Amino acid sequence: MCLEEAGGRQSHGHPEAVRRSAWRCRAAMLSLKLPQLLRVHQVPRVFWEDSIMSGYRRPSSSARDCVLSSFQMTNETVNIWTHFLPTCSMSPRARHICYFLDYGALSLYSLGCAFPYAAYSMPASWLHSRLHQLFVPAAALNSFLCTGLSCYSRFLELESPRLSKAVRTAAFAYPFLFDNLPLFYRLGLCWDGGRGCGREALSSSHTHHLLCALLTGFLFASHLPERLAPGRFDYIGHSHQLFHICAVLGTHFQLEAVLADMGSRRAWLAAQEPPLGLAGTLATLGLAVAGNLLIIAAFTTSLFRAPSTCPLLQGGPPEGGMKSKLQ
């Protein structure tokens, strides 16, 4: 509207008036008021993050406020730019659905890891064994388990927060442990310094990837460092931000490690028959995507069938003692 008004005056008015109108437009755009941030006791309990005391956005934010908050320092700003979509929701229900989709994507990532591991990182003694043949199909089933358990954990979050956290952690730890069985086996063979290790040797990228993955899991479960100093790491430095950084580094080292296996084992792998051809890989991936979407749809349906008074959607009123303590 402001630009249209200036354009109309440019065609019919004095140039000085046009300049004044343009300056008023710019001033109006620069004076946009950023959304008010809230402390933890001012938002429903479903939005609380462990040991994060301030920097919360209003749960019923408009689309405009969501966009503006992306350029405002909140306790989600760093997460937004590393993990944008699931963090900017306008209601508890939308927030849960975004998390369901997030969990599904992470589950499919675990399946994606199984494909190159089956093709390039299997120990020689496992090649064409029953475990090798079932490795990718089992990883696809694991993705269903991961998505189902992690989505279910959100329904436990208010009444049993510790159980919810344990279920969610187990949901992601198990596929990681399964996918990395070939690496753990090769690491055990080469633990004595390489005697008889041969082509089973792991590159340094493998080690860096495993260390980053373990650190990622530790940060996810421990809520450090904010647990040691509540309120000090609300904006920068809390565990979820460090979790994202470690996850990105771990993925980088994982890709480097797979490329290292491809290079060091190229001649040997060329003589081997791959466990899955292109058609089998695409079919497995397609079935896994469809299955995970069905699981997400089932939990989403349960969410919409829940009454609006459900604590999962309301968060429940903050406890009086907790409220006074957090203030």
C-alpha atoms as a PDB file:
ATOM      1  CA  MET A   1       0.000   0.000   0.000  1.00  0.00           C
ATOM      2  CA  CYS A   2       2.793   2.359   0.927  1.00  0.00           C
ATOM      3  CA  LEU A   3       4.656   1.759  -2.321  1.00  0.00           C
ATOM      4  CA  GLU A   4       1.472   2.040  -4.385  1.00  0.00           C
ATOM      5  CA  GLU A   5       0.713   5.377  -2.714  1.00  0.00           C
ATOM      6  CA  ALA A   6       4.227   6.637  -3.480  1.00  0.00           C
ATOM      7  CA  GLY A   7       3.923   5.440  -7.076  1.00  0.00           C
ATOM      8  CA  GLY A   8       0.607   7.258  -7.477  1.00  0.00           C
ATOM      9  CA  ARG A   9       2.056  10.487  -6.137  1.00  0.00           C
ATOM     10  CA  GLN A  10       5.068  10.152  -8.430  1.00  0.00           C
ATOM     11  CA  SER A  11       2.811  10.174 -11.446  1.00  0.00           C
ATOM     12  CA  HIS A  12       0.567  13.002 -10.222  1.00  0.00           C
ATOM     13  CA  GLY A  13       2.385  14.883  -7.443  1.00  0.00           C
ATOM     14  CA  HIS A  14       5.402  17.034  -6.703  1.00  0.00           C
ATOM     15  CA  PRO A  15       8.789  15.228  -6.565  1.00  0.00           C
ATOM     16  CA  GLU A  16       9.415  16.563  -3.031  1.00  0.00           C
ATOM     17  CA  ALA A  17       6.129  15.081  -1.832  1.00  0.00           C
ATOM     18  CA  VAL A  18       7.078  11.794  -3.428  1.00  0.00           C
ATOM     19  CA  ARG A  19      10.408  11.783  -1.544  1.00  0.00           C
ATOM     20  CA  ARG A  20       8.669  12.558   1.766  1.00  0.00           C
ATOM     21  CA  SER A  21       6.190   9.749   1.157  1.00  0.00           C
ATOM     22  CA  ALA A  22       9.006   7.332   0.373  1.00  0.00           C
ATOM     23  CA  TRP A  23      10.811   8.260   3.607  1.00  0.00           C
ATOM     24  CA  ARG A  24       7.607   7.745   5.577  1.00  0.00           C
ATOM     25  CA  CYS A  25       7.259   4.302   4.002  1.00  0.00           C
ATOM     26  CA  ARG A  26      10.801   3.359   4.940  1.00  0.00           C
ATOM     27  CA  ALA A  27      10.316   4.643   8.484  1.00  0.00           C
ATOM     28  CA  ALA A  28       7.110   2.636   8.847  1.00  0.00           C
ATOM     29  CA  MET A  29       8.857  -0.499   7.651  1.00  0.00           C
ATOM     30  CA  LEU A  30      11.775   0.009  10.045  1.00  0.00           C
ATOM     31  CA  SER A  31       9.460   0.686  12.984  1.00  0.00           C
ATOM     32  CA  LEU A  32       7.821  -2.760  12.858  1.00  0.00           C
ATOM     33  CA  LYS A  33       7.442  -3.863  16.436  1.00  0.00           C
ATOM     34  CA  LEU A  34       9.048  -7.201  17.190  1.00  0.00           C
ATOM     35  CA  PRO A  35       6.915  -9.747  19.067  1.00  0.00           C
ATOM     36  CA  GLN A  36       7.090  -9.681  22.851  1.00  0.00           C
ATOM     37  CA  LEU A  37       9.134 -12.459  24.416  1.00  0.00           C
ATOM     38  CA  LEU A  38       7.884 -14.359  27.449  1.00  0.00           C
ATOM     39  CA  ARG A  39       9.366 -16.104  30.439  1.00  0.00           C
ATOM     40  CA  VAL A  40       8.775 -19.796  31.001  1.00  0.00           C
ATOM     41  CA  HIS A  41       5.918 -19.343  33.493  1.00  0.00           C
ATOM     42  CA  GLN A  42       4.027 -17.224  30.925  1.00  0.00           C
ATOM     43  CA  VAL A  43       3.607 -20.019  28.352  1.00  0.00           C
ATOM     44  CA  PRO A  44       1.680 -23.318  28.628  1.00  0.00           C
ATOM     45  CA  ARG A  45       3.667 -26.115  30.130  1.00  0.00           C
ATOM     46  CA  VAL A  46       3.729 -28.068  26.856  1.00  0.00           C
ATOM     47  CA  PHE A  47       6.111 -25.397  25.497  1.00  0.00           C
ATOM     48  CA  TRP A  48       8.548 -25.539  28.409  1.00  0.00           C
ATOM     49  CA  GLU A  49      12.124 -26.588  27.656  1.00  0.00           C
ATOM     50  CA  ASP A  50      14.158 -28.020  30.502  1.00  0.00           C
ATOM     51  CA  SER A  51      16.183 -25.279  32.264  1.00  0.00           C
ATOM     52  CA  ILE A  52      15.363 -22.650  29.576  1.00  0.00           C
ATOM     53  CA  MET A  53      13.873 -19.774  31.564  1.00  0.00           C
ATOM     54  CA  SER A  54      13.249 -16.949  29.073  1.00  0.00           C
ATOM     55  CA  GLY A  55      13.141 -15.997  25.407  1.00  0.00           C
ATOM     56  CA  TYR A  56       9.895 -17.840  24.618  1.00  0.00           C
ATOM     57  CA  ARG A  57       7.612 -16.732  21.792  1.00  0.00           C
ATOM     58  CA  ARG A  58       3.861 -16.362  22.303  1.00  0.00           C
ATOM     59  CA  PRO A  59       2.206 -19.735  21.533  1.00  0.00           C
ATOM     60  CA  SER A  60      -0.651 -18.150  19.575  1.00  0.00           C
ATOM     61  CA  SER A  61       1.636 -16.054  17.371  1.00  0.00           C
ATOM     62  CA  SER A  62       0.332 -14.834  14.043  1.00  0.00           C
ATOM     63  CA  ALA A  63       2.101 -15.752  10.807  1.00  0.00           C
ATOM     64  CA  ARG A  64       3.574 -12.215  10.754  1.00  0.00           C
ATOM     65  CA  ASP A  65       4.971 -12.616  14.272  1.00  0.00           C
ATOM     66  CA  CYS A  66       6.463 -15.988  13.359  1.00  0.00           C
ATOM     67  CA  VAL A  67       8.318 -14.427  10.436  1.00  0.00           C
ATOM     68  CA  LEU A  68       9.508 -11.478  12.519  1.00  0.00           C
ATOM     69  CA  SER A  69      10.661 -13.753  15.345  1.00  0.00           C
ATOM     70  CA  SER A  70      13.013 -15.452  12.895  1.00  0.00           C
ATOM     71  CA  PHE A  71      15.067 -12.247  12.922  1.00  0.00           C
ATOM     72  CA  GLN A  72      14.736 -11.662  16.662  1.00  0.00           C
ATOM     73  CA  MET A  73      16.952 -13.165  19.364  1.00  0.00           C
ATOM     74  CA  THR A  74      14.779 -15.774  21.075  1.00  0.00           C
ATOM     75  CA  ASN A  75      15.728 -19.079  22.646  1.00  0.00           C
ATOM     76  CA  GLU A  76      14.935 -20.696  19.263  1.00  0.00           C
ATOM     77  CA  THR A  77      16.718 -18.270  16.915  1.00  0.00           C
ATOM     78  CA  VAL A  78      19.851 -20.372  16.452  1.00  0.00           C
ATOM     79  CA  ASN A  79      17.711 -23.495  16.082  1.00  0.00           C
ATOM     80  CA  ILE A  80      15.555 -21.772  13.463  1.00  0.00           C
ATOM     81  CA  TRP A  81      18.467 -21.145  11.165  1.00  0.00           C
ATOM     82  CA  THR A  82      19.841 -24.675  11.578  1.00  0.00           C
ATOM     83  CA  HIS A  83      16.507 -26.480  11.677  1.00  0.00           C
ATOM     84  CA  PHE A  84      13.919 -24.036  10.452  1.00  0.00           C
ATOM     85  CA  LEU A  85      10.494 -25.562   9.831  1.00  0.00           C
ATOM     86  CA  PRO A  86       9.584 -27.427  13.048  1.00  0.00           C
ATOM     87  CA  THR A  87      10.394 -24.499  15.348  1.00  0.00           C
ATOM     88  CA  CYS A  88       7.886 -21.887  14.227  1.00  0.00           C
ATOM     89  CA  SER A  89       4.440 -23.249  15.003  1.00  0.00           C
ATOM     90  CA  MET A  90       1.318 -21.322  15.915  1.00  0.00           C
ATOM     91  CA  SER A  91      -0.456 -23.751  18.234  1.00  0.00           C
ATOM     92  CA  PRO A  92       0.332 -26.761  20.451  1.00  0.00           C
ATOM     93  CA  ARG A  93      -1.312 -29.078  17.901  1.00  0.00           C
ATOM     94  CA  ALA A  94       0.742 -27.671  15.011  1.00  0.00           C
ATOM     95  CA  ARG A  95       3.860 -27.916  17.136  1.00  0.00           C
ATOM     96  CA  HIS A  96       3.273 -31.616  17.797  1.00  0.00           C
ATOM     97  CA  ILE A  97       2.620 -32.324  14.116  1.00  0.00           C
ATOM     98  CA  CYS A  98       5.845 -30.574  13.123  1.00  0.00           C
ATOM     99  CA  TYR A  99       7.681 -32.737  15.623  1.00  0.00           C
ATOM    100  CA  PHE A 100       6.029 -35.877  14.175  1.00  0.00           C
ATOM    101  CA  LEU A 101       7.350 -34.915  10.737  1.00  0.00           C
ATOM    102  CA  ASP A 102      10.752 -34.153  12.219  1.00  0.00           C
ATOM    103  CA  TYR A 103      10.906 -37.586  13.854  1.00  0.00           C
ATOM    104  CA  GLY A 104       9.899 -39.250  10.587  1.00  0.00           C
ATOM    105  CA  ALA A 105      12.667 -37.448   8.724  1.00  0.00           C
ATOM    106  CA  LEU A 106      15.241 -38.515  11.322  1.00  0.00           C
ATOM    107  CA  SER A 107      14.000 -42.100  11.089  1.00  0.00           C
ATOM    108  CA  LEU A 108      14.428 -42.073   7.319  1.00  0.00           C
ATOM    109  CA  TYR A 109      17.899 -40.622   7.824  1.00  0.00           C
ATOM    110  CA  SER A 110      18.782 -43.725   9.841  1.00  0.00           C
ATOM    111  CA  LEU A 111      17.603 -45.851   6.920  1.00  0.00           C
ATOM    112  CA  GLY A 112      19.634 -43.700   4.545  1.00  0.00           C
ATOM    113  CA  CYS A 113      22.731 -44.484   6.608  1.00  0.00           C
ATOM    114  CA  ALA A 114      22.093 -48.218   6.236  1.00  0.00           C
ATOM    115  CA  PHE A 115      22.251 -48.102   2.421  1.00  0.00           C
ATOM    116  CA  PRO A 116      25.907 -46.998   2.073  1.00  0.00           C
ATOM    117  CA  TYR A 117      26.982 -49.067   5.080  1.00  0.00           C
ATOM    118  CA  ALA A 118      25.527 -52.209   3.469  1.00  0.00           C
ATOM    119  CA  ALA A 119      27.186 -51.382   0.159  1.00  0.00           C
ATOM    120  CA  TYR A 120      30.600 -50.098   1.243  1.00  0.00           C
ATOM    121  CA  SER A 121      31.299 -50.616   4.960  1.00  0.00           C
ATOM    122  CA  MET A 122      30.407 -54.255   5.698  1.00  0.00           C
ATOM    123  CA  PRO A 123      33.134 -56.424   7.251  1.00  0.00           C
ATOM    124  CA  ALA A 124      34.484 -58.933   4.747  1.00  0.00           C
ATOM    125  CA  SER A 125      33.362 -61.884   6.876  1.00  0.00           C
ATOM    126  CA  TRP A 126      29.757 -60.607   6.844  1.00  0.00           C
ATOM    127  CA  LEU A 127      29.511 -60.247   3.097  1.00  0.00           C
ATOM    128  CA  HIS A 128      26.475 -62.107   1.684  1.00  0.00           C
ATOM    129  CA  SER A 129      25.657 -63.473   5.118  1.00  0.00           C
ATOM    130  CA  ARG A 130      22.092 -63.543   6.415  1.00  0.00           C
ATOM    131  CA  LEU A 131      22.806 -60.364   8.426  1.00  0.00           C
ATOM    132  CA  HIS A 132      24.096 -58.618   5.316  1.00  0.00           C
ATOM    133  CA  GLN A 133      21.016 -59.615   3.318  1.00  0.00           C
ATOM    134  CA  LEU A 134      18.625 -58.463   6.031  1.00  0.00           C
ATOM    135  CA  PHE A 135      20.561 -55.359   7.068  1.00  0.00           C
ATOM    136  CA  VAL A 136      18.655 -52.819   4.947  1.00  0.00           C
ATOM    137  CA  PRO A 137      15.179 -54.380   5.410  1.00  0.00           C
ATOM    138  CA  ALA A 138      15.785 -54.441   9.173  1.00  0.00           C
ATOM    139  CA  ALA A 139      16.849 -50.774   9.041  1.00  0.00           C
ATOM    140  CA  ALA A 140      13.551 -49.981   7.284  1.00  0.00           C
ATOM    141  CA  LEU A 141      11.619 -51.720  10.081  1.00  0.00           C
ATOM    142  CA  ASN A 142      13.739 -49.839  12.613  1.00  0.00           C
ATOM    143  CA  SER A 143      12.628 -46.558  11.034  1.00  0.00           C
ATOM    144  CA  PHE A 144       8.989 -47.528  11.729  1.00  0.00           C
ATOM    145  CA  LEU A 145       9.866 -48.322  15.329  1.00  0.00           C
ATOM    146  CA  CYS A 146      11.781 -45.067  15.713  1.00  0.00           C
ATOM    147  CA  THR A 147       8.959 -42.927  14.319  1.00  0.00           C
ATOM    148  CA  GLY A 148       6.276 -44.737  16.307  1.00  0.00           C
ATOM    149  CA  LEU A 149       8.073 -44.557  19.651  1.00  0.00           C
ATOM    150  CA  SER A 150       9.210 -40.952  19.247  1.00  0.00           C
ATOM    151  CA  CYS A 151       5.724 -39.771  18.229  1.00  0.00           C
ATOM    152  CA  TYR A 152       4.190 -41.711  21.124  1.00  0.00           C
ATOM    153  CA  SER A 153       6.666 -40.085  23.520  1.00  0.00           C
ATOM    154  CA  ARG A 154       4.984 -36.722  22.974  1.00  0.00           C
ATOM    155  CA  PHE A 155       1.776 -38.111  24.482  1.00  0.00           C
ATOM    156  CA  LEU A 156       3.740 -39.026  27.614  1.00  0.00           C
ATOM    157  CA  GLU A 157       5.491 -35.681  27.906  1.00  0.00           C
ATOM    158  CA  LEU A 158       3.271 -33.933  30.456  1.00  0.00           C
ATOM    159  CA  GLU A 159       2.342 -36.782  32.757  1.00  0.00           C
ATOM    160  CA  SER A 160       5.667 -38.663  32.621  1.00  0.00           C
ATOM    161  CA  PRO A 161       8.372 -36.329  31.300  1.00  0.00           C
ATOM    162  CA  ARG A 162      11.228 -38.624  32.307  1.00  0.00           C
ATOM    163  CA  LEU A 163       9.629 -41.645  30.678  1.00  0.00           C
ATOM    164  CA  SER A 164       8.928 -39.544  27.587  1.00  0.00           C
ATOM    165  CA  LYS A 165      12.576 -38.520  27.367  1.00  0.00           C
ATOM    166  CA  ALA A 166      13.756 -42.101  27.913  1.00  0.00           C
ATOM    167  CA  VAL A 167      11.440 -43.466  25.205  1.00  0.00           C
ATOM    168  CA  ARG A 168      12.486 -40.790  22.727  1.00  0.00           C
ATOM    169  CA  THR A 169      16.184 -41.291  23.449  1.00  0.00           C
ATOM    170  CA  ALA A 170      15.853 -45.062  23.042  1.00  0.00           C
ATOM    171  CA  ALA A 171      13.903 -44.552  19.808  1.00  0.00           C
ATOM    172  CA  PHE A 172      16.880 -42.806  18.216  1.00  0.00           C
ATOM    173  CA  ALA A 173      19.690 -44.663  19.991  1.00  0.00           C
ATOM    174  CA  TYR A 174      18.597 -48.101  18.802  1.00  0.00           C
ATOM    175  CA  PRO A 175      18.691 -47.360  15.006  1.00  0.00           C
ATOM    176  CA  PHE A 176      22.073 -45.659  15.479  1.00  0.00           C
ATOM    177  CA  LEU A 177      23.490 -48.708  17.259  1.00  0.00           C
ATOM    178  CA  PHE A 178      22.061 -51.072  14.652  1.00  0.00           C
ATOM    179  CA  ASP A 179      23.308 -49.054  11.653  1.00  0.00           C
ATOM    180  CA  ASN A 180      26.802 -48.893  13.110  1.00  0.00           C
ATOM    181  CA  LEU A 181      27.144 -52.610  13.893  1.00  0.00           C
ATOM    182  CA  PRO A 182      29.532 -53.048  10.909  1.00  0.00           C
ATOM    183  CA  LEU A 183      31.725 -50.218  12.215  1.00  0.00           C
ATOM    184  CA  PHE A 184      31.719 -51.528  15.783  1.00  0.00           C
ATOM    185  CA  TYR A 185      32.750 -54.968  14.512  1.00  0.00           C
ATOM    186  CA  ARG A 186      35.556 -53.551  12.378  1.00  0.00           C
ATOM    187  CA  LEU A 187      36.646 -51.353  15.268  1.00  0.00           C
ATOM    188  CA  GLY A 188      36.876 -54.457  17.474  1.00  0.00           C
ATOM    189  CA  LEU A 189      38.965 -56.302  14.877  1.00  0.00           C
ATOM    190  CA  CYS A 190      41.409 -53.405  14.654  1.00  0.00           C
ATOM    191  CA  TRP A 191      41.499 -52.588  18.377  1.00  0.00           C
ATOM    192  CA  ASP A 192      44.906 -54.283  18.805  1.00  0.00           C
ATOM    193  CA  GLY A 193      46.634 -51.735  16.581  1.00  0.00           C
ATOM    194  CA  GLY A 194      45.917 -53.166  13.175  1.00  0.00           C
ATOM    195  CA  ARG A 195      47.288 -56.738  13.439  1.00  0.00           C
ATOM    196  CA  GLY A 196      45.373 -58.731  10.863  1.00  0.00           C
ATOM    197  CA  CYS A 197      43.109 -55.758  10.217  1.00  0.00           C
ATOM    198  CA  GLY A 198      43.672 -55.288   6.486  1.00  0.00           C
ATOM    199  CA  ARG A 199      40.703 -53.829   4.647  1.00  0.00           C
ATOM    200  CA  GLU A 200      38.706 -53.691   7.884  1.00  0.00           C
ATOM    201  CA  ALA A 201      40.680 -50.642   9.068  1.00  0.00           C
ATOM    202  CA  LEU A 202      38.551 -47.588   9.847  1.00  0.00           C
ATOM    203  CA  SER A 203      39.500 -44.132   8.667  1.00  0.00           C
ATOM    204  CA  SER A 204      39.822 -41.273  11.141  1.00  0.00           C
ATOM    205  CA  SER A 205      36.522 -39.934   9.769  1.00  0.00           C
ATOM    206  CA  HIS A 206      34.764 -43.020  11.100  1.00  0.00           C
ATOM    207  CA  THR A 207      36.138 -42.312  14.561  1.00  0.00           C
ATOM    208  CA  HIS A 208      35.199 -38.628  14.387  1.00  0.00           C
ATOM    209  CA  HIS A 209      31.690 -39.543  13.258  1.00  0.00           C
ATOM    210  CA  LEU A 210      31.167 -41.961  16.147  1.00  0.00           C
ATOM    211  CA  LEU A 211      32.483 -39.440  18.663  1.00  0.00           C
ATOM    212  CA  CYS A 212      30.183 -36.701  17.308  1.00  0.00           C
ATOM    213  CA  ALA A 213      27.235 -39.097  17.410  1.00  0.00           C
ATOM    214  CA  LEU A 214      27.928 -40.031  21.037  1.00  0.00           C
ATOM    215  CA  LEU A 215      28.303 -36.366  21.972  1.00  0.00           C
ATOM    216  CA  THR A 216      25.033 -35.572  20.180  1.00  0.00           C
ATOM    217  CA  GLY A 217      23.219 -38.232  22.188  1.00  0.00           C
ATOM    218  CA  PHE A 218      24.776 -37.008  25.420  1.00  0.00           C
ATOM    219  CA  LEU A 219      23.663 -33.416  24.784  1.00  0.00           C
ATOM    220  CA  PHE A 220      20.157 -34.548  23.849  1.00  0.00           C
ATOM    221  CA  ALA A 221      19.734 -36.541  27.054  1.00  0.00           C
ATOM    222  CA  SER A 222      21.612 -34.365  29.552  1.00  0.00           C
ATOM    223  CA  HIS A 223      20.376 -30.812  28.801  1.00  0.00           C
ATOM    224  CA  LEU A 224      23.831 -29.471  29.578  1.00  0.00           C
ATOM    225  CA  PRO A 225      25.053 -26.783  30.053  1.00  0.00           C
ATOM    226  CA  GLU A 226      21.725 -25.010  30.778  1.00  0.00           C
ATOM    227  CA  ARG A 227      20.885 -27.462  33.560  1.00  0.00           C
ATOM    228  CA  LEU A 228      23.929 -26.259  35.500  1.00  0.00           C
ATOM    229  CA  ALA A 229      22.986 -22.576  35.168  1.00  0.00           C
ATOM    230  CA  PRO A 230      19.273 -22.089  34.335  1.00  0.00           C
ATOM    231  CA  GLY A 231      18.690 -18.852  32.465  1.00  0.00           C
ATOM    232  CA  ARG A 232      22.324 -18.300  31.453  1.00  0.00           C
ATOM    233  CA  PHE A 233      22.136 -20.151  28.133  1.00  0.00           C
ATOM    234  CA  ASP A 234      18.620 -19.214  27.026  1.00  0.00           C
ATOM    235  CA  TYR A 235      19.724 -17.550  23.778  1.00  0.00           C
ATOM    236  CA  ILE A 236      23.140 -18.937  22.870  1.00  0.00           C
ATOM    237  CA  GLY A 237      24.913 -22.092  23.969  1.00  0.00           C
ATOM    238  CA  HIS A 238      22.121 -24.360  25.220  1.00  0.00           C
ATOM    239  CA  SER A 239      22.151 -28.082  24.537  1.00  0.00           C
ATOM    240  CA  HIS A 240      19.745 -28.085  21.593  1.00  0.00           C
ATOM    241  CA  GLN A 241      21.969 -25.683  19.670  1.00  0.00           C
ATOM    242  CA  LEU A 242      25.087 -27.715  20.495  1.00  0.00           C
ATOM    243  CA  PHE A 243      23.128 -30.843  19.562  1.00  0.00           C
ATOM    244  CA  HIS A 244      22.494 -29.429  16.073  1.00  0.00           C
ATOM    245  CA  ILE A 245      26.118 -28.425  15.606  1.00  0.00           C
ATOM    246  CA  CYS A 246      27.392 -31.866  16.640  1.00  0.00           C
ATOM    247  CA  ALA A 247      24.813 -33.574  14.409  1.00  0.00           C
ATOM    248  CA  VAL A 248      25.928 -31.550  11.383  1.00  0.00           C
ATOM    249  CA  LEU A 249      29.603 -32.276  12.107  1.00  0.00           C
ATOM    250  CA  GLY A 250      28.800 -35.952  12.602  1.00  0.00           C
ATOM    251  CA  THR A 251      27.016 -36.110   9.242  1.00  0.00           C
ATOM    252  CA  HIS A 252      29.999 -34.452   7.558  1.00  0.00           C
ATOM    253  CA  PHE A 253      32.422 -36.993   9.019  1.00  0.00           C
ATOM    254  CA  GLN A 254      30.030 -39.817   8.166  1.00  0.00           C
ATOM    255  CA  LEU A 255      30.019 -38.835   4.492  1.00  0.00           C
ATOM    256  CA  GLU A 256      33.805 -38.520   4.533  1.00  0.00           C
ATOM    257  CA  ALA A 257      34.042 -41.985   6.117  1.00  0.00           C
ATOM    258  CA  VAL A 258      31.817 -43.614   3.477  1.00  0.00           C
ATOM    259  CA  LEU A 259      33.881 -41.990   0.718  1.00  0.00           C
ATOM    260  CA  ALA A 260      37.035 -43.298   2.403  1.00  0.00           C
ATOM    261  CA  ASP A 261      35.581 -46.835   2.428  1.00  0.00           C
ATOM    262  CA  MET A 262      34.628 -46.521  -1.223  1.00  0.00           C
ATOM    263  CA  GLY A 263      38.161 -45.463  -2.106  1.00  0.00           C
ATOM    264  CA  SER A 264      40.109 -47.958  -0.009  1.00  0.00           C
ATOM    265  CA  ARG A 265      37.864 -50.908  -0.886  1.00  0.00           C
ATOM    266  CA  ARG A 266      37.114 -50.037  -4.506  1.00  0.00           C
ATOM    267  CA  ALA A 267      38.927 -52.970  -6.139  1.00  0.00           C
ATOM    268  CA  TRP A 268      37.539 -55.461  -3.636  1.00  0.00           C
ATOM    269  CA  LEU A 269      33.997 -54.086  -3.862  1.00  0.00           C
ATOM    270  CA  ALA A 270      34.058 -54.237  -7.678  1.00  0.00           C
ATOM    271  CA  ALA A 271      34.273 -58.028  -7.471  1.00  0.00           C
ATOM    272  CA  GLN A 272      31.332 -58.299  -5.061  1.00  0.00           C
ATOM    273  CA  GLU A 273      27.649 -58.426  -5.854  1.00  0.00           C
ATOM    274  CA  PRO A 274      25.766 -55.550  -4.186  1.00  0.00           C
ATOM    275  CA  PRO A 275      23.140 -56.601  -1.595  1.00  0.00           C
ATOM    276  CA  LEU A 276      20.491 -54.432  -3.257  1.00  0.00           C
ATOM    277  CA  GLY A 277      20.292 -53.211  -6.800  1.00  0.00           C
ATOM    278  CA  LEU A 278      18.881 -49.823  -7.768  1.00  0.00           C
ATOM    279  CA  ALA A 279      15.346 -51.206  -8.061  1.00  0.00           C
ATOM    280  CA  GLY A 280      15.559 -52.846  -4.641  1.00  0.00           C
ATOM    281  CA  THR A 281      16.947 -49.690  -3.056  1.00  0.00           C
ATOM    282  CA  LEU A 282      14.188 -47.503  -4.494  1.00  0.00           C
ATOM    283  CA  ALA A 283      11.500 -50.016  -3.532  1.00  0.00           C
ATOM    284  CA  THR A 284      12.768 -50.232   0.051  1.00  0.00           C
ATOM    285  CA  LEU A 285      12.986 -46.455   0.342  1.00  0.00           C
ATOM    286  CA  GLY A 286       9.512 -45.968  -1.127  1.00  0.00           C
ATOM    287  CA  LEU A 287       7.952 -48.479   1.275  1.00  0.00           C
ATOM    288  CA  ALA A 288       9.767 -46.900   4.216  1.00  0.00           C
ATOM    289  CA  VAL A 289       8.563 -43.404   3.293  1.00  0.00           C
ATOM    290  CA  ALA A 290       4.982 -44.636   2.878  1.00  0.00           C
ATOM    291  CA  GLY A 291       5.076 -46.554   6.153  1.00  0.00           C
ATOM    292  CA  ASN A 292       6.479 -43.621   8.114  1.00  0.00           C
ATOM    293  CA  LEU A 293       3.874 -41.278   6.641  1.00  0.00           C
ATOM    294  CA  LEU A 294       1.122 -43.690   7.693  1.00  0.00           C
ATOM    295  CA  ILE A 295       2.490 -43.758  11.248  1.00  0.00           C
ATOM    296  CA  ILE A 296       2.644 -39.956  11.341  1.00  0.00           C
ATOM    297  CA  ALA A 297      -0.895 -39.771   9.921  1.00  0.00           C
ATOM    298  CA  ALA A 298      -2.152 -42.128  12.650  1.00  0.00           C
ATOM    299  CA  PHE A 299      -0.662 -40.027  15.447  1.00  0.00           C
ATOM    300  CA  THR A 300      -1.877 -36.823  13.787  1.00  0.00           C
ATOM    301  CA  THR A 301      -5.398 -38.256  13.614  1.00  0.00           C
ATOM    302  CA  SER A 302      -5.220 -39.102  17.319  1.00  0.00           C
ATOM    303  CA  LEU A 303      -4.126 -35.537  17.973  1.00  0.00           C
ATOM    304  CA  PHE A 304      -7.096 -34.056  16.100  1.00  0.00           C
ATOM    305  CA  ARG A 305      -9.518 -36.425  17.810  1.00  0.00           C
ATOM    306  CA  ALA A 306      -8.307 -35.331  21.232  1.00  0.00           C
ATOM    307  CA  PRO A 307     -10.592 -32.757  22.902  1.00  0.00           C
ATOM    308  CA  SER A 308      -9.355 -29.204  23.116  1.00  0.00           C
ATOM    309  CA  THR A 309      -9.216 -29.604  26.899  1.00  0.00           C
ATOM    310  CA  CYS A 310      -6.640 -32.391  26.580  1.00  0.00           C
ATOM    311  CA  PRO A 311      -3.512 -31.505  28.617  1.00  0.00           C
ATOM    312  CA  LEU A 312      -1.404 -32.403  25.582  1.00  0.00           C
ATOM    313  CA  LEU A 313      -2.925 -29.452  23.730  1.00  0.00           C
ATOM    314  CA  GLN A 314      -3.305 -27.097  26.665  1.00  0.00           C
ATOM    315  CA  GLY A 315      -0.150 -27.791  28.617  1.00  0.00           C
ATOM    316  CA  GLY A 316      -2.056 -27.345  31.863  1.00  0.00           C
ATOM    317  CA  PRO A 317      -1.650 -24.398  34.225  1.00  0.00           C
ATOM    318  CA  PRO A 318       1.841 -24.008  35.689  1.00  0.00           C
ATOM    319  CA  GLU A 319       2.151 -25.257  39.230  1.00  0.00           C
ATOM    320  CA  GLY A 320       2.057 -22.453  41.777  1.00  0.00           C
ATOM    321  CA  GLY A 321       5.257 -23.510  43.476  1.00  0.00           C
ATOM    322  CA  MET A 322       7.080 -23.895  40.206  1.00  0.00           C
ATOM    323  CA  LYS A 323       5.827 -20.550  38.967  1.00  0.00           C
ATOM    324  CA  SER A 324       7.089 -18.665  42.009  1.00  0.00           C
ATOM    325  CA  LYS A 325      10.391 -20.503  41.833  1.00  0.00           C
ATOM    326  CA  LEU A 326      10.926 -19.636  38.171  1.00  0.00           C
ATOM    327  CA  GLN A 327      10.023 -15.988  38.691  1.00  0.00           C
END
